[in-house]
Protein backbone atom coordinates (compact mmCIF):
# COMPACT_ATOMS: atom_id res chain seq x y z
CA MET A 1 -40.97 21.63 64.16
CA SER A 2 -40.75 25.30 65.54
CA THR A 3 -43.67 27.09 67.11
CA THR A 4 -44.02 29.03 63.94
CA ASP A 5 -44.62 25.66 61.98
CA ILE A 6 -46.89 24.11 64.41
CA LEU A 7 -49.17 27.39 64.56
CA GLY A 8 -49.01 27.49 60.73
CA THR A 9 -50.27 24.07 60.58
CA LEU A 10 -53.00 24.59 63.15
CA GLY A 11 -54.00 27.59 61.18
CA SER A 12 -54.29 25.88 57.97
CA ILE A 13 -56.45 23.11 59.54
CA PHE A 14 -58.64 25.76 61.15
CA THR A 15 -58.92 27.56 58.08
CA ILE A 16 -60.23 24.45 56.12
CA LEU A 17 -62.78 23.52 58.84
CA SER A 18 -63.89 27.24 59.09
CA PHE A 19 -64.55 27.01 55.25
CA GLY A 20 -66.51 23.80 55.65
CA CYS A 21 -68.60 25.23 58.40
CA GLY A 22 -69.01 28.43 56.22
CA VAL A 23 -70.48 26.41 53.46
CA PHE A 24 -72.63 24.62 55.36
CA VAL A 25 -74.21 27.86 57.04
CA SER A 26 -74.54 29.24 53.50
CA VAL A 27 -76.26 26.39 52.45
CA ALA A 28 -78.57 26.36 55.26
CA MET A 29 -79.46 30.10 54.34
CA THR A 30 -80.65 29.10 50.73
CA THR A 31 -84.32 28.36 50.07
CA LYS A 32 -85.67 24.94 50.19
CA LYS A 33 -86.60 24.95 46.65
CA LEU A 34 -83.05 25.52 45.62
CA ARG A 35 -81.82 22.80 47.80
CA GLU A 36 -84.21 20.44 46.53
CA SER A 37 -82.93 21.35 42.92
CA ILE A 38 -79.35 20.89 43.88
CA ILE A 39 -80.20 17.52 45.40
CA LYS A 40 -82.08 16.42 42.35
CA GLU A 41 -78.97 17.46 40.04
CA MET A 42 -76.41 15.59 42.22
CA LYS A 43 -78.42 12.54 42.25
CA GLY A 44 -78.51 12.46 38.26
CA ARG A 45 -74.78 12.93 38.04
CA THR A 46 -71.85 10.41 38.99
CA PHE A 47 -69.34 13.15 38.87
CA GLY A 48 -66.70 10.74 36.98
CA ALA A 49 -67.50 7.56 38.89
CA ALA A 50 -69.34 5.98 35.68
CA THR A 51 -66.57 7.13 33.38
CA LEU A 52 -63.97 5.61 35.96
CA GLU A 53 -65.81 2.02 36.07
CA GLN A 54 -66.16 2.26 32.28
CA MET A 55 -62.51 2.79 31.75
CA ALA A 56 -61.68 -0.20 34.00
CA LYS A 57 -64.19 -2.36 32.19
CA THR A 58 -62.74 -1.25 28.89
CA TRP A 59 -59.25 -2.36 29.97
CA VAL A 60 -60.43 -5.72 30.99
CA MET A 61 -62.13 -5.94 27.69
CA ILE A 62 -58.89 -5.22 25.89
CA PHE A 63 -56.95 -7.72 28.44
CA GLU A 64 -59.37 -10.57 27.69
CA ARG A 65 -59.38 -9.97 23.84
CA TYR A 66 -55.69 -9.81 23.58
CA PHE A 67 -54.62 -12.70 26.07
CA GLY A 68 -57.88 -14.58 25.67
CA ASP A 69 -60.59 -15.06 28.48
CA ARG A 70 -59.75 -18.69 29.06
CA LEU A 71 -56.88 -20.13 31.31
CA LEU A 72 -55.80 -22.37 28.46
CA SER A 73 -56.31 -19.89 25.53
CA ILE A 74 -54.68 -20.66 22.22
CA LYS A 75 -54.23 -17.06 21.53
CA GLN A 76 -51.89 -16.29 24.50
CA ILE A 77 -49.44 -18.91 22.83
CA ILE A 78 -48.76 -16.01 20.39
CA THR A 79 -49.87 -12.59 22.24
CA ILE A 80 -47.94 -13.25 25.57
CA PRO A 81 -44.49 -13.83 23.85
CA ILE A 82 -45.06 -10.75 21.58
CA TYR A 83 -46.08 -8.84 24.99
CA THR A 84 -42.97 -9.97 26.72
CA LEU A 85 -40.73 -9.05 23.87
CA THR A 86 -42.08 -5.56 23.58
CA VAL A 87 -42.03 -4.74 26.91
CA SER A 88 -38.39 -6.14 27.48
CA CYS A 89 -37.40 -3.91 24.37
CA VAL A 90 -38.82 -0.76 26.01
CA TYR A 91 -36.88 -1.27 29.47
CA ILE A 92 -33.71 -2.42 27.43
CA ALA A 93 -33.83 0.82 25.23
CA VAL A 94 -34.23 2.93 28.32
CA TRP A 95 -31.24 1.17 30.05
CA ILE A 96 -29.20 1.69 26.94
CA LEU A 97 -30.00 5.30 26.59
CA HIS A 98 -29.10 5.79 30.33
CA ASN A 99 -25.52 3.88 29.76
CA ILE A 100 -24.84 6.05 26.72
CA HIS A 101 -25.94 9.16 28.61
CA GLY A 102 -28.54 10.07 26.25
CA ASP A 103 -26.11 10.43 23.19
CA ILE A 104 -28.04 9.09 20.18
CA ASN A 105 -24.95 9.21 18.09
CA ALA A 106 -23.43 6.56 20.46
CA ASN A 107 -26.10 4.04 19.16
CA PHE A 108 -24.21 3.88 15.91
CA LYS A 109 -20.66 3.26 17.73
CA PRO A 110 -19.95 -0.28 19.15
CA PHE A 111 -21.13 -1.09 22.69
CA SER A 112 -18.81 -1.78 25.43
CA PRO A 113 -18.06 -5.58 26.01
CA LEU A 114 -20.03 -5.47 29.06
CA MET A 115 -23.21 -3.95 27.54
CA LYS A 116 -22.89 -6.64 24.64
CA GLN A 117 -22.48 -9.44 27.15
CA SER A 118 -25.66 -8.04 29.20
CA LEU A 119 -27.70 -7.83 25.82
CA HIS A 120 -26.48 -11.54 24.95
CA ASP A 121 -27.55 -12.96 28.23
CA TYR A 122 -30.73 -11.00 28.53
CA PHE A 123 -32.03 -12.18 25.01
CA HIS A 124 -30.48 -15.77 25.12
CA GLU A 125 -31.51 -16.57 28.69
CA ALA A 126 -33.22 -13.98 30.79
CA ILE A 127 -35.93 -13.44 28.28
CA PHE A 128 -37.33 -16.94 28.64
CA VAL A 129 -37.59 -16.32 32.50
CA ALA A 130 -39.54 -13.09 31.76
CA LEU A 131 -41.81 -15.12 29.70
CA ALA A 132 -42.38 -17.82 32.03
CA VAL A 133 -43.09 -15.13 34.70
CA ASP A 134 -45.59 -13.43 32.36
CA ILE A 135 -47.57 -16.62 31.37
CA PHE A 136 -47.69 -17.37 35.25
CA SER A 137 -48.94 -13.73 36.21
CA ILE A 138 -51.24 -13.30 33.40
CA SER A 139 -52.92 -16.67 34.06
CA LEU A 140 -53.48 -15.64 37.54
CA THR A 141 -54.76 -12.26 36.55
CA ARG A 142 -57.23 -13.91 34.28
CA ILE A 143 -58.56 -15.79 37.25
CA ALA A 144 -58.75 -12.68 39.48
CA ILE A 145 -60.68 -10.84 36.69
CA ARG A 146 -63.20 -13.44 36.29
CA ALA A 147 -63.88 -13.19 40.10
CA GLY A 148 -64.09 -9.52 39.95
CA LYS A 149 -66.88 -9.75 37.20
CA VAL A 150 -68.78 -11.86 39.58
CA LYS A 151 -68.31 -10.32 42.99
CA GLY A 152 -67.08 -6.80 42.10
CA TYR A 153 -63.51 -5.44 41.68
CA LEU A 154 -63.38 -4.39 45.48
CA SER A 155 -64.69 -7.57 46.68
CA PHE A 156 -62.70 -9.64 49.24
CA ARG A 157 -62.16 -12.33 46.97
CA PHE A 158 -60.89 -10.14 44.21
CA LEU A 159 -58.53 -8.32 46.57
CA PHE A 160 -57.39 -11.83 47.88
CA LEU A 161 -56.52 -13.04 44.49
CA PHE A 162 -54.73 -9.74 43.66
CA PHE A 163 -52.33 -10.10 46.68
CA LEU A 164 -52.02 -13.66 45.91
CA THR A 165 -50.98 -13.08 42.13
CA ILE A 166 -48.55 -10.27 43.26
CA SER A 167 -47.05 -12.59 45.76
CA ALA A 168 -46.96 -15.52 43.50
CA SER A 169 -45.50 -13.50 40.68
CA PHE A 170 -42.82 -12.14 42.87
CA PHE A 171 -41.67 -15.64 44.00
CA ALA A 172 -41.65 -16.81 40.57
CA PHE A 173 -39.51 -14.10 39.30
CA THR A 174 -36.97 -14.58 42.26
CA PHE A 175 -36.78 -18.31 41.44
CA GLY A 176 -36.18 -17.67 37.89
CA LEU A 177 -33.57 -15.21 38.86
CA PHE A 178 -31.96 -17.64 41.51
CA PHE A 179 -31.87 -20.23 38.38
CA LEU A 180 -30.10 -17.70 36.29
CA ARG A 181 -27.52 -16.81 39.15
CA VAL A 182 -26.69 -20.80 39.91
CA LEU A 183 -26.43 -21.19 35.99
CA ASP A 184 -23.93 -18.31 35.67
CA MET A 185 -22.22 -19.44 38.78
CA VAL A 186 -21.72 -23.00 37.62
CA ARG A 187 -20.59 -21.80 34.00
CA MET A 188 -18.00 -19.30 35.97
CA TYR A 189 -16.53 -22.08 38.17
CA THR A 190 -16.39 -24.45 35.27
CA GLU A 191 -14.55 -22.05 32.88
CA LEU A 192 -12.30 -20.08 35.19
CA VAL A 193 -11.73 -22.19 38.41
CA PRO A 194 -12.56 -25.88 37.42
CA GLN A 195 -10.36 -27.04 40.12
CA ASP A 196 -12.57 -25.49 42.71
CA PRO A 197 -15.51 -27.10 44.25
CA ILE A 198 -18.82 -25.45 43.29
CA PRO A 199 -20.20 -23.78 46.36
CA VAL A 200 -24.06 -23.99 47.32
CA MET A 201 -25.84 -20.76 46.46
CA PRO A 202 -28.76 -20.24 48.95
CA TYR A 203 -32.17 -19.08 47.75
CA LYS A 204 -33.00 -15.75 49.36
CA PRO A 205 -35.72 -13.96 47.61
CA PHE A 206 -35.92 -10.86 49.43
CA GLU A 207 -32.01 -10.16 49.58
CA GLY A 208 -30.85 -7.41 47.41
CA PHE A 209 -34.63 -6.34 46.75
CA ASN A 210 -33.91 -2.65 46.83
CA VAL A 211 -31.31 -2.99 44.16
CA LEU A 212 -34.11 -4.24 41.74
CA LEU A 213 -36.10 -0.98 42.27
CA ASN A 214 -33.49 1.20 40.44
CA LEU A 215 -33.62 0.20 36.69
CA PHE A 216 -30.05 1.35 36.12
CA ASN A 217 -28.17 -0.34 38.73
CA ALA A 218 -25.74 -2.89 37.81
CA PRO A 219 -26.06 -5.60 40.63
CA THR A 220 -23.26 -8.11 40.75
CA VAL A 221 -22.44 -11.56 42.43
CA ILE A 222 -18.93 -11.63 44.14
CA HIS A 223 -17.37 -15.32 44.30
CA VAL A 224 -14.39 -16.10 46.43
CA THR A 225 -12.38 -18.56 44.60
CA SER A 226 -8.65 -19.91 44.50
CA LYS A 227 -7.92 -17.26 42.09
CA GLY A 228 -9.28 -14.56 44.13
CA TRP A 229 -12.42 -12.63 44.12
CA ILE A 230 -14.42 -12.95 40.67
CA ALA A 231 -17.49 -10.59 40.26
CA THR A 232 -20.02 -11.54 37.62
CA TYR A 233 -22.62 -9.46 36.12
CA PHE A 234 -24.70 -11.48 33.65
CA ILE A 235 -27.90 -9.68 32.98
CA PRO A 236 -29.19 -6.23 33.78
CA GLU A 237 -31.50 -7.93 36.56
CA PRO A 238 -33.69 -4.76 37.10
CA ILE A 239 -34.83 -4.93 33.65
CA LEU A 240 -36.10 -8.33 34.19
CA PHE A 241 -37.73 -7.18 37.51
CA TYR A 242 -39.59 -4.34 35.83
CA THR A 243 -40.64 -6.77 32.77
CA ALA A 244 -42.19 -8.92 35.37
CA VAL A 245 -43.83 -6.09 37.46
CA THR A 246 -45.25 -4.59 34.02
CA SER A 247 -47.81 -7.49 33.79
CA GLN A 248 -49.14 -6.51 37.12
CA LEU A 249 -50.13 -2.92 36.31
CA SER A 250 -53.84 -4.24 35.12
CA PHE A 251 -54.55 -4.88 38.91
CA ILE A 252 -53.35 -1.55 39.90
CA PHE A 253 -55.62 0.25 37.20
CA ILE A 254 -58.67 -1.74 38.03
CA ILE A 255 -58.48 -1.26 41.55
CA VAL A 256 -57.29 2.43 41.56
CA ALA A 257 -60.27 3.21 39.03
CA HIS A 258 -63.05 1.51 41.18
CA LEU A 259 -61.54 3.26 44.42
CA LEU A 260 -61.83 6.55 42.89
CA ALA A 261 -65.30 5.99 41.62
CA LYS A 262 -66.41 4.60 45.08
CA PHE A 263 -64.90 7.88 46.65
CA SER A 264 -66.66 10.04 44.24
CA LEU A 265 -69.96 8.49 44.95
CA SER A 266 -69.34 8.64 48.70
CA VAL A 267 -68.64 12.32 48.35
CA ARG A 268 -71.85 12.84 46.37
CA GLN A 269 -73.78 10.94 49.05
CA ALA A 270 -72.31 13.12 51.79
CA SER A 271 -73.08 16.37 49.71
CA ILE A 272 -76.63 15.18 49.42
CA LYS A 273 -76.93 14.40 53.04
CA MET A 274 -75.43 17.81 53.85
CA LEU A 275 -78.08 19.35 51.47
CA GLN A 276 -80.82 17.63 53.08
CA THR A 277 -79.85 18.44 56.70
CA ALA A 278 -78.90 22.19 56.01
CA GLY A 279 -82.18 23.42 55.97
CA THR A 280 -83.71 21.97 59.09
CA THR A 281 -83.59 23.18 62.81
CA ALA A 282 -81.33 20.04 63.43
CA GLY A 283 -79.10 20.78 60.80
CA ILE A 284 -78.68 24.61 61.63
CA ALA A 285 -78.05 23.69 65.15
CA THR A 286 -75.43 21.19 64.42
CA GLY A 287 -73.68 23.62 62.04
CA ILE A 288 -73.70 26.24 64.74
CA PHE A 289 -72.38 23.94 67.38
CA THR A 290 -69.66 22.65 65.20
CA SER A 291 -68.63 26.23 64.21
CA MET A 292 -68.09 27.03 68.10
CA LEU A 293 -66.49 23.80 68.66
CA VAL A 294 -63.87 24.38 65.99
CA TRP A 295 -63.05 27.85 67.31
CA MET A 296 -62.85 26.77 70.95
CA LEU A 297 -60.51 23.76 70.19
CA THR A 298 -58.39 25.92 67.92
CA ILE A 299 -57.84 28.66 70.64
CA ILE A 300 -57.04 26.06 73.18
CA PHE A 301 -54.57 24.43 70.67
CA PHE A 302 -52.89 27.85 70.02
CA CYS A 303 -52.76 28.69 73.75
CA ALA A 304 -51.36 25.11 74.62
CA ILE A 305 -48.69 25.37 71.90
CA ALA A 306 -47.53 28.81 72.69
CA ALA A 307 -47.34 27.96 76.56
CA PHE A 308 -45.55 24.71 75.96
CA HIS A 309 -42.84 26.39 73.50
CA GLY A 310 -42.55 29.51 75.64
CA SER A 311 -41.63 27.51 79.07
């Protein structure tokens, strides 16, 4: 960073801190009756915290009504397959639109052999892996939600179950993907190079993970055979990955909603404390001291940066 950038950053920090000190001094200059009225008003409002928590509770209610609130719910026999198929079709549609470069008219033309084979493999093989992962992850999500209702959605138990579910679902997905790759390898060797011994494919759950983060990538597996190198591409793997990840969005929404609600209430409490302190002699003294400290530290930083870059 140049001297100008650093001084600009320090200037921005100084401006923000000075504004805070100015607000504190301005509040201190108001009457006690006005401050008490403001405190009463702030205590009676949640500033969106109640709405966020209600949204999270509504989402939990929808989740349990759709998938069932029991671990072995009969309802999920129907609802989970519908969910998996719907999410898969959404990602498949996005993937197809990307491959045809957004040309809607291309949907009425025959797909390329690669796309045909990919769609065939996904809906004949990979869809069952996605279904198994969804059943596994949704069951764990149900357990975590039950713990959140009892202990709170920001409790240690809920957060522990959250990370456990994410980790377990990821390994379930990678194991399912590994099974599909082994199946494809055995099929390829049997049909194309039956005279070659089938190699042992190691299970590496974290290998090529960055490829899965791109929905539009076409990851391949290269096999070295007696007939040369043979590359296989049997399913759009990122689609399978994102289908598995989507079932975890309930956790993200619940945790983010409660974190924002907690932050809103913390800001409200801090504001009330400031109002309660602002009218007292201790509050005024603290405000004046903080203002002078900000000014002096800023001047020292400016001089130090200027001397360092000028030498």
